[in-house]
């Protein structure tokens, strides 16, 4: 399980998540993502970040099996705090973040891309928030940045997914490309940003965050409070135990 970063000569920093088999991140993985984005933000060489993943899909959310192995509430507390820090670090990164999404992007994955600035997706990419099926809540804040309001509610209540092509029709996915071209296209888009005056781009990122109608950090934290309630009531454990027992839709 690794997270790696490389910086190209033009200031494009490529951050790669590789947590086989399905990129369901453990608690430490979410904090690693946060640390990698903060490092990018603080490095004056970095002009733009490309966030990508190796493997079958971009992100399958939280590693529920790890969470259920941890006694008490430490697992859910760690995962929720880690997700919060990772999403926040992407949103507050001082340079634009381009997410390159392949395959599935679920739960926490939607949190990552929803807070990024640009989404380039492979033609096999799909997005969803199955939190209701896990006895939890969260990432509606970020899904709301991708789909219209009533579609958000329909998806959230049913755990249905949406394709990259459908999101492109809304303009929330910038481009849908063949899987084999994903990395090249994402980097090419990042190169276009990196060619601009970095002083202006950093100012633009801060300005665009400043005019957001909803603070995603506060909004997501509000959602997490309901997840904590469901955990204290024992509801979430029931659903997570069932997920582990059946292997879940994505075997982790």
Protein backbone atom coordinates (compact mmCIF):
# COMPACT_ATOMS: atom_id res chain seq x y z
CA UNK A 1 0.00 0.00 0.00
CA UNK A 2 1.64 3.18 -1.18
CA UNK A 3 1.15 6.80 -2.02
CA UNK A 4 3.82 8.38 -4.20
CA UNK A 5 4.51 11.77 -5.71
CA UNK A 6 6.70 13.03 -8.54
CA UNK A 7 7.23 16.60 -9.74
CA UNK A 8 7.83 17.27 -13.41
CA UNK A 9 10.10 20.06 -14.62
CA UNK A 10 7.15 22.34 -15.42
CA UNK A 11 5.76 22.09 -11.89
CA UNK A 12 3.10 19.44 -12.47
CA UNK A 13 3.06 17.23 -9.38
CA UNK A 14 1.59 13.76 -9.92
CA UNK A 15 0.26 12.03 -6.80
CA UNK A 16 -0.55 8.35 -7.23
CA UNK A 17 -2.65 6.21 -4.89
CA UNK A 18 -1.97 2.47 -4.99
CA UNK A 19 -3.85 0.49 -2.36
CA UNK A 20 -4.71 -2.89 -3.92
CA UNK A 21 -6.93 -4.61 -4.60
CA UNK A 22 -9.54 -1.84 -5.01
CA UNK A 23 -8.03 1.33 -3.55
CA UNK A 24 -10.19 1.21 -0.44
CA UNK A 25 -8.01 3.40 1.74
CA UNK A 26 -7.08 2.43 5.30
CA UNK A 27 -7.11 5.07 8.00
CA UNK A 28 -3.43 5.86 7.45
CA UNK A 29 -4.01 6.18 3.70
CA UNK A 30 -6.43 9.09 4.08
CA UNK A 31 -3.94 10.94 6.26
CA UNK A 32 -1.22 10.19 3.68
CA UNK A 33 -3.35 11.80 0.97
CA UNK A 34 -3.84 14.86 3.17
CA UNK A 35 -0.11 15.11 3.87
CA UNK A 36 0.75 14.77 0.16
CA UNK A 37 -1.64 17.59 -0.78
CA UNK A 38 -0.36 19.84 1.99
CA UNK A 39 3.20 19.23 0.80
CA UNK A 40 2.16 20.15 -2.73
CA UNK A 41 0.47 23.30 -1.48
CA UNK A 42 3.54 24.43 0.43
CA UNK A 43 6.04 23.70 -2.36
CA UNK A 44 6.59 26.78 -4.54
CA UNK A 45 7.75 24.52 -7.38
CA UNK A 46 4.30 22.97 -7.66
CA UNK A 47 1.99 24.68 -10.15
CA UNK A 48 -0.76 22.06 -10.41
CA UNK A 49 -1.48 18.62 -8.95
CA UNK A 50 -2.71 15.54 -10.81
CA UNK A 51 -4.34 13.05 -8.44
CA UNK A 52 -4.53 9.57 -9.94
CA UNK A 53 -4.66 5.90 -8.94
CA UNK A 54 -3.23 2.59 -10.02
CA UNK A 55 -5.40 -0.48 -10.39
CA UNK A 56 -8.97 -1.42 -11.18
CA UNK A 57 -10.54 1.81 -10.02
CA UNK A 58 -9.80 5.24 -8.65
CA UNK A 59 -11.14 4.75 -5.13
CA UNK A 60 -13.57 2.40 -3.35
CA UNK A 61 -13.88 4.58 -0.26
CA UNK A 62 -12.95 3.57 3.26
CA UNK A 63 -11.44 0.16 4.02
CA UNK A 64 -14.43 -1.20 5.94
CA UNK A 65 -12.71 -4.50 6.74
CA UNK A 66 -9.91 -2.63 8.49
CA UNK A 67 -12.46 -0.54 10.36
CA UNK A 68 -14.25 -3.64 11.65
CA UNK A 69 -10.97 -5.15 12.87
CA UNK A 70 -10.29 -2.14 15.10
CA UNK A 71 -11.90 -2.35 18.53
CA UNK A 72 -14.36 0.25 19.75
CA UNK A 73 -14.89 3.48 17.85
CA UNK A 74 -11.24 4.11 16.97
CA UNK A 75 -11.74 2.79 13.44
CA UNK A 76 -14.68 5.00 12.53
CA UNK A 77 -13.15 8.01 14.28
CA UNK A 78 -9.88 7.53 12.43
CA UNK A 79 -11.51 7.02 9.04
CA UNK A 80 -13.81 10.02 9.45
CA UNK A 81 -11.01 12.30 10.57
CA UNK A 82 -8.75 11.02 7.80
CA UNK A 83 -11.39 11.61 5.14
CA UNK A 84 -12.08 15.07 6.49
CA UNK A 85 -8.38 15.98 6.37
CA UNK A 86 -7.89 14.55 2.86
CA UNK A 87 -10.91 16.32 1.38
CA UNK A 88 -9.96 19.56 3.14
CA UNK A 89 -6.37 19.39 1.91
CA UNK A 90 -7.53 19.05 -1.69
CA UNK A 91 -9.98 21.93 -1.40
CA UNK A 92 -7.47 24.19 0.34
CA UNK A 93 -4.48 23.25 -1.83
CA UNK A 94 -3.05 26.53 -3.08
CA UNK A 95 -2.80 25.22 -6.64
CA UNK A 96 -5.44 23.54 -8.82
CA UNK A 97 -5.99 19.80 -8.38
CA UNK A 98 -6.87 17.71 -11.44
CA UNK A 99 -8.37 14.31 -10.63
CA UNK A 100 -7.77 11.56 -13.21
CA UNK A 101 -10.53 9.00 -12.56
CA UNK A 102 -10.57 5.45 -13.83
CA UNK A 103 -13.15 2.77 -13.06
CA UNK A 104 -15.09 3.10 -9.83
CA UNK A 105 -15.09 6.24 -7.72
CA UNK A 106 -17.22 5.54 -4.66
CA UNK A 107 -17.85 7.03 -1.22
CA UNK A 108 -14.66 8.73 -0.13
CA UNK A 109 -13.54 8.77 -3.76
CA UNK A 110 -16.37 11.18 -4.52
CA UNK A 111 -15.10 13.29 -1.62
CA UNK A 112 -11.68 13.48 -3.26
CA UNK A 113 -12.87 14.40 -6.76
CA UNK A 114 -15.75 16.58 -5.56
CA UNK A 115 -13.26 18.89 -3.86
CA UNK A 116 -10.82 18.89 -6.76
CA UNK A 117 -10.81 21.65 -9.37
CA UNK A 118 -10.99 19.62 -12.58
CA UNK A 119 -12.06 16.04 -13.32
CA UNK A 120 -10.77 14.11 -16.31
CA UNK A 121 -12.35 10.66 -16.46
CA UNK A 122 -11.86 7.44 -18.37
CA UNK A 123 -14.79 6.13 -20.36
CA UNK A 124 -15.16 3.29 -17.83
CA UNK A 125 -15.46 5.64 -14.84
CA UNK A 126 -18.54 5.80 -12.65
CA UNK A 127 -19.33 7.64 -9.43
CA UNK A 128 -21.54 6.98 -6.43
CA UNK A 129 -22.03 7.33 -2.69
CA UNK A 130 -23.19 4.00 -1.19
CA UNK A 131 -23.04 5.30 2.37
CA UNK A 132 -26.71 4.53 3.09
CA UNK A 133 -26.02 0.85 2.39
CA UNK A 134 -23.17 0.98 4.93
CA UNK A 135 -25.23 2.52 7.73
CA UNK A 136 -23.37 5.81 7.41
CA UNK A 137 -23.69 9.27 5.89
CA UNK A 138 -21.16 11.50 4.21
CA UNK A 139 -19.85 12.89 0.88
CA UNK A 140 -23.27 14.26 -0.09
CA UNK A 141 -21.48 17.60 0.17
CA UNK A 142 -19.13 16.53 -2.60
CA UNK A 143 -21.68 14.68 -4.72
CA UNK A 144 -23.68 17.92 -4.71
CA UNK A 145 -20.78 19.53 -6.55
CA UNK A 146 -21.18 16.97 -9.34
CA UNK A 147 -24.93 16.51 -9.92
CA UNK A 148 -28.15 18.59 -9.71
CA UNK A 149 -30.01 18.71 -6.41
CA UNK A 150 -32.80 16.21 -7.03
CA UNK A 151 -30.44 13.80 -8.75
CA UNK A 152 -28.26 14.01 -5.65
CA UNK A 153 -31.16 12.98 -3.44
CA UNK A 154 -32.22 10.14 -5.74
CA UNK A 155 -28.66 8.80 -5.90
CA UNK A 156 -28.09 9.17 -2.16
CA UNK A 157 -31.24 7.38 -1.06
CA UNK A 158 -30.74 4.49 -3.52
CA UNK A 159 -26.92 4.24 -3.69
CA UNK A 160 -27.19 4.41 -7.47
CA UNK A 161 -24.18 5.46 -9.55
CA UNK A 162 -23.68 7.89 -12.42
CA UNK A 163 -21.30 7.52 -15.36
CA UNK A 164 -18.56 9.90 -16.36
CA UNK A 165 -20.39 10.53 -19.62
CA UNK A 166 -23.52 11.63 -17.73
CA UNK A 167 -21.45 13.98 -15.56
CA UNK A 168 -19.78 15.42 -18.65
CA UNK A 169 -23.23 16.45 -19.86
CA UNK A 170 -23.56 18.55 -16.69
CA UNK A 171 -20.10 20.02 -17.22
CA UNK A 172 -18.76 18.66 -13.93
CA UNK A 173 -16.45 16.21 -15.70
CA UNK A 174 -14.30 18.21 -18.10
CA UNK A 175 -13.44 15.36 -20.47
CA UNK A 176 -14.15 11.65 -20.93
CA UNK A 177 -11.36 9.80 -22.70
CA UNK A 178 -10.42 6.20 -23.50
CA UNK A 179 -8.89 4.47 -20.48
CA UNK A 180 -5.50 4.12 -22.15
CA UNK A 181 -5.38 7.89 -22.76
CA UNK A 182 -6.45 8.99 -19.28
CA UNK A 183 -3.08 9.77 -17.75
CA UNK A 184 -1.79 11.56 -20.84
CA UNK A 185 -4.93 13.68 -21.13
CA UNK A 186 -4.95 14.59 -17.44
CA UNK A 187 -1.30 15.62 -17.57
CA UNK A 188 -1.88 17.57 -20.78
CA UNK A 189 -4.64 19.55 -19.07
CA UNK A 190 -2.36 20.12 -16.08
CA UNK A 191 0.39 21.28 -18.46
CA UNK A 192 -1.97 23.93 -19.81
CA UNK A 193 -2.52 25.29 -16.31
CA UNK A 194 1.15 25.02 -15.42
CA UNK A 195 2.04 27.24 -18.38
CA UNK A 196 0.17 30.16 -16.80
CA UNK A 197 1.69 32.65 -14.36
CA UNK A 198 1.70 30.69 -11.06
CA UNK A 199 1.10 33.86 -9.04
CA UNK A 200 -2.13 34.45 -10.91
CA UNK A 201 -3.24 30.81 -10.72
CA UNK A 202 -2.70 30.68 -6.95
CA UNK A 203 -4.67 33.90 -6.57
CA UNK A 204 -7.41 32.46 -8.78
CA UNK A 205 -7.66 29.31 -6.66
CA UNK A 206 -8.05 31.37 -3.48
CA UNK A 207 -10.58 33.66 -5.13
CA UNK A 208 -12.71 30.80 -6.49
CA UNK A 209 -12.78 29.13 -3.07
CA UNK A 210 -13.78 32.45 -1.55
CA UNK A 211 -16.90 32.76 -3.71
CA UNK A 212 -18.16 29.20 -3.16
CA UNK A 213 -21.75 29.41 -1.91
CA UNK A 214 -21.21 26.53 0.55
CA UNK A 215 -18.14 25.82 2.69
CA UNK A 216 -17.48 22.13 1.90
CA UNK A 217 -15.37 21.64 5.02
CA UNK A 218 -18.15 22.76 7.36
CA UNK A 219 -20.85 21.03 5.30
CA UNK A 220 -19.05 17.67 5.35
CA UNK A 221 -18.35 17.96 9.07
CA UNK A 222 -22.09 18.45 9.64
CA UNK A 223 -22.79 15.24 7.70
CA UNK A 224 -20.27 13.33 9.79
CA UNK A 225 -22.23 14.08 12.94
CA UNK A 226 -25.04 11.83 11.70
CA UNK A 227 -22.55 9.06 10.97
CA UNK A 228 -21.38 9.27 14.57
CA UNK A 229 -24.99 9.03 15.77
CA UNK A 230 -25.59 5.92 13.67
CA UNK A 231 -22.44 4.37 15.11
CA UNK A 232 -23.41 5.10 18.69
CA UNK A 233 -26.82 3.55 18.00
CA UNK A 234 -25.17 0.38 16.66
CA UNK A 235 -26.82 0.75 13.24
CA UNK A 236 -23.59 1.26 11.33
CA UNK A 237 -21.92 -1.79 12.86
CA UNK A 238 -24.80 -3.98 11.68
CA UNK A 239 -24.37 -2.84 8.10
CA UNK A 240 -20.57 -3.00 8.13
CA UNK A 241 -20.63 -6.51 9.60
CA UNK A 242 -22.96 -7.59 6.82
CA UNK A 243 -20.67 -5.98 4.24
CA UNK A 244 -17.64 -7.85 5.60
CA UNK A 245 -19.56 -11.14 5.80
CA UNK A 246 -20.68 -10.94 2.17
CA UNK A 247 -17.47 -9.49 0.75
CA UNK A 248 -19.32 -6.41 -0.48
CA UNK A 249 -19.86 -5.36 -4.10
CA UNK A 250 -16.12 -4.71 -4.39
CA UNK A 251 -14.08 -7.41 -2.69
CA UNK A 252 -11.42 -5.77 -0.51
